[in-house]
Amino acid sequence: MVMQRALKDKAVAMAIIGQAIIDEGAIGVDGSITVSYTSYENAYNLWKIANAWGLVHPLRKKLYKTHTKWVVAFKAEKREEIYKYIGPLPDPRKNKMFRHILRNPRGGIHKGGKGEVQRKILELLKRKPLTIREISYALDLSGSTVRKHLKKLAERGKVIIIGVNKNSLNKNQRTAHLWYLRHSQC
């Protein structure tokens, strides 16, 4: 009964999708929004509802050593539409992540001068070790941009990975690398 309503009423569909994102969703610094289930039935039902409204990619299967996960991945061009229906999210961390991926990326003529982004990254890392996500939020840059600059800085010996973010409140971010200045840079 709920399935039929969700397939005919977009507000019902978005309520179900929003709850799935809140409960089981992952919002990546790269802009991805996914919901994963070990139950094929749960994943398929969510996918069917979201697909009826053109919001998702094909359902994916991820094989692990001990189990299988079914992944519902939302289309990048539909993120803003989804947020307008379901946002703001009650979890402040997830809401911050969602809003970050909706921002208008800086680029083109608004870019800083040569080396400006790397200088800002080094300034941030002088204070304390940070993850790519934290740097991305602080500088309002995409995760891929931050990753590219950190790689260049690491190649030049300016930054290193000093561990993982074990103390993160968000379980799926506890394996994120912590970046910091090399001791000679301090």
Protein backbone atom coordinates (compact mmCIF):
# COMPACT_ATOMS: atom_id res chain seq x y z
CA MET A 1 0.00 0.00 0.00
CA VAL A 2 2.77 2.45 0.94
CA MET A 3 4.70 1.43 -2.17
CA GLN A 4 1.74 2.28 -4.43
CA ARG A 5 1.32 5.68 -2.73
CA ALA A 6 5.01 6.46 -3.11
CA LEU A 7 4.92 5.57 -6.79
CA LYS A 8 2.03 8.00 -7.36
CA ASP A 9 2.75 10.78 -4.84
CA LYS A 10 6.16 12.44 -4.96
CA ALA A 11 5.82 13.88 -1.43
CA VAL A 12 5.35 10.37 -0.02
CA ALA A 13 8.28 9.10 -2.10
CA MET A 14 10.52 11.92 -0.86
CA ALA A 15 9.53 11.26 2.75
CA ILE A 16 10.62 7.63 2.37
CA ILE A 17 13.82 8.61 0.56
CA GLY A 18 14.61 11.26 3.17
CA GLN A 19 14.17 8.79 6.01
CA ALA A 20 16.41 6.28 4.24
CA ILE A 21 19.13 8.92 3.79
CA ILE A 22 18.83 9.93 7.45
CA ASP A 23 18.89 6.34 8.74
CA GLU A 24 21.19 4.48 6.35
CA GLY A 25 22.59 7.11 3.99
CA ALA A 26 26.16 8.09 3.32
CA ILE A 27 26.98 11.53 1.96
CA GLY A 28 30.46 11.62 0.50
CA VAL A 29 32.76 14.61 0.27
CA ASP A 30 32.91 13.77 -3.44
CA GLY A 31 29.21 14.61 -3.71
CA SER A 32 27.83 11.10 -3.71
CA ILE A 33 24.68 10.17 -1.82
CA THR A 34 24.14 6.46 -1.30
CA VAL A 35 21.97 4.24 0.82
CA SER A 36 23.20 0.68 1.45
CA TYR A 37 21.31 -2.33 2.73
CA THR A 38 22.25 -5.95 3.31
CA SER A 39 18.64 -6.79 2.46
CA TYR A 40 18.00 -6.92 -1.27
CA GLU A 41 14.28 -6.39 -0.67
CA ASN A 42 14.81 -3.15 1.29
CA ALA A 43 17.27 -1.83 -1.30
CA TYR A 44 15.06 -2.80 -4.23
CA ASN A 45 11.98 -1.17 -2.70
CA LEU A 46 13.83 2.11 -2.08
CA TRP A 47 15.37 1.97 -5.54
CA LYS A 48 11.98 1.29 -7.15
CA ILE A 49 10.44 4.33 -5.46
CA ALA A 50 13.39 6.63 -6.28
CA ASN A 51 13.66 5.29 -9.82
CA ALA A 52 9.98 6.05 -10.48
CA TRP A 53 10.89 9.72 -9.99
CA GLY A 54 14.17 9.53 -11.97
CA LEU A 55 16.39 10.12 -8.92
CA VAL A 56 18.77 7.14 -8.97
CA HIS A 57 21.30 5.15 -10.95
CA PRO A 58 20.79 1.40 -11.47
CA LEU A 59 20.84 -0.66 -8.27
CA ARG A 60 24.38 -1.88 -7.50
CA LYS A 61 25.63 -4.95 -5.70
CA LYS A 62 28.80 -4.78 -3.59
CA LEU A 63 30.37 -8.07 -2.57
CA TYR A 64 32.31 -8.33 0.67
CA LYS A 65 34.03 -11.38 2.20
CA THR A 66 31.24 -12.01 4.68
CA HIS A 67 28.19 -10.34 3.15
CA THR A 68 26.65 -8.50 0.21
CA LYS A 69 25.36 -4.95 0.21
CA TRP A 70 22.89 -3.45 -2.21
CA VAL A 71 23.56 0.21 -2.98
CA VAL A 72 21.08 2.84 -4.08
CA ALA A 73 23.06 5.77 -5.54
CA PHE A 74 21.32 9.09 -6.21
CA LYS A 75 22.03 11.11 -9.34
CA ALA A 76 24.16 14.22 -8.86
CA GLU A 77 21.76 16.40 -10.81
CA LYS A 78 18.89 15.39 -8.48
CA ARG A 79 20.60 16.26 -5.16
CA GLU A 80 19.17 19.77 -4.97
CA GLU A 81 15.65 18.56 -5.74
CA ILE A 82 15.94 15.91 -3.00
CA TYR A 83 17.22 18.43 -0.45
CA LYS A 84 14.37 20.85 -1.23
CA TYR A 85 11.91 18.10 -0.31
CA ILE A 86 13.69 16.62 2.73
CA GLY A 87 16.10 19.25 4.10
CA PRO A 88 17.26 20.43 6.49
CA LEU A 89 18.23 17.08 7.93
CA PRO A 90 17.81 16.56 11.69
CA ASP A 91 21.40 15.27 12.05
CA PRO A 92 23.55 18.43 11.95
CA ARG A 93 26.58 16.53 10.56
CA LYS A 94 24.63 14.98 7.70
CA ASN A 95 22.91 18.29 7.01
CA LYS A 96 26.28 20.04 6.83
CA MET A 97 27.56 17.38 4.42
CA PHE A 98 24.46 17.62 2.25
CA ARG A 99 24.59 21.42 2.11
CA HIS A 100 28.30 21.29 1.29
CA ILE A 101 27.74 19.15 -1.79
CA LEU A 102 24.99 21.54 -2.94
CA ARG A 103 27.16 24.65 -2.81
CA ASN A 104 28.19 26.43 -5.97
CA PRO A 105 31.77 25.34 -6.49
CA ARG A 106 34.28 28.07 -6.85
CA GLY A 107 36.31 27.91 -9.99
CA GLY A 108 37.15 29.66 -13.20
CA ILE A 109 37.83 33.36 -12.72
CA HIS A 110 37.14 33.17 -8.96
CA LYS A 111 40.09 30.87 -8.30
CA GLY A 112 42.87 32.11 -6.05
CA GLY A 113 46.26 32.97 -7.42
CA LYS A 114 48.93 30.38 -8.10
CA GLY A 115 49.60 28.39 -4.95
CA GLU A 116 46.81 30.11 -2.98
CA VAL A 117 44.85 26.93 -2.21
CA GLN A 118 47.96 25.07 -1.11
CA ARG A 119 48.97 27.98 1.11
CA LYS A 120 45.53 27.94 2.75
CA ILE A 121 45.74 24.18 3.28
CA LEU A 122 49.15 24.54 4.94
CA GLU A 123 47.79 27.30 7.21
CA LEU A 124 44.95 25.03 8.32
CA LEU A 125 47.28 22.10 8.95
CA LYS A 126 49.58 24.24 11.13
CA ARG A 127 46.84 24.26 13.77
CA LYS A 128 45.98 20.56 13.89
CA PRO A 129 45.69 17.41 11.78
CA LEU A 130 42.63 17.38 9.51
CA THR A 131 40.84 15.03 7.14
CA ILE A 132 40.10 15.84 3.53
CA ARG A 133 36.45 16.42 4.50
CA GLU A 134 37.39 18.93 7.21
CA ILE A 135 39.71 20.84 4.88
CA SER A 136 37.06 20.75 2.18
CA TYR A 137 34.47 22.31 4.50
CA ALA A 138 36.87 24.92 5.87
CA LEU A 139 37.92 26.13 2.43
CA ASP A 140 34.61 25.51 0.64
CA LEU A 141 36.30 23.28 -1.93
CA SER A 142 35.41 19.89 -3.35
CA GLY A 143 37.01 16.81 -1.87
CA SER A 144 38.71 16.01 -5.17
CA THR A 145 40.32 19.47 -5.29
CA VAL A 146 41.64 19.12 -1.74
CA ARG A 147 42.87 15.59 -2.48
CA LYS A 148 44.74 16.82 -5.58
CA HIS A 149 46.48 19.61 -3.64
CA LEU A 150 47.36 17.34 -0.71
CA LYS A 151 48.92 14.87 -3.13
CA LYS A 152 51.08 17.63 -4.63
CA LEU A 153 52.05 18.89 -1.16
CA ALA A 154 52.93 15.34 -0.08
CA GLU A 155 55.08 14.83 -3.19
CA ARG A 156 56.98 17.98 -2.22
CA GLY A 157 57.42 16.67 1.33
CA LYS A 158 55.30 19.39 2.95
CA VAL A 159 52.51 17.23 4.41
CA ILE A 160 52.15 13.65 5.62
CA ILE A 161 49.43 11.29 6.75
CA ILE A 162 49.80 10.78 10.50
CA GLY A 163 47.01 8.29 11.11
CA VAL A 164 43.26 7.93 10.87
CA ASN A 165 40.37 9.82 12.40
CA LYS A 166 39.56 7.16 15.07
CA ASN A 167 37.69 9.59 17.33
CA SER A 168 35.15 10.74 14.73
CA LEU A 169 31.56 10.70 15.95
CA ASN A 170 30.58 9.41 12.53
CA LYS A 171 31.51 5.72 12.31
CA ASN A 172 32.10 5.69 8.55
CA GLN A 173 34.64 8.54 8.85
CA ARG A 174 36.89 6.79 11.39
CA THR A 175 39.17 5.47 8.65
CA ALA A 176 39.70 8.86 7.01
CA HIS A 177 43.36 9.84 6.85
CA LEU A 178 44.56 12.67 9.05
CA TRP A 179 46.89 15.04 7.22
CA TYR A 180 49.47 17.21 8.97
CA LEU A 181 52.55 19.28 8.26
CA ARG A 182 55.90 17.53 8.21
CA HIS A 183 57.86 18.49 11.32
CA SER A 184 60.32 20.50 9.24
CA GLN A 185 57.38 22.68 8.06
CA CYS A 186 56.19 23.77 11.53
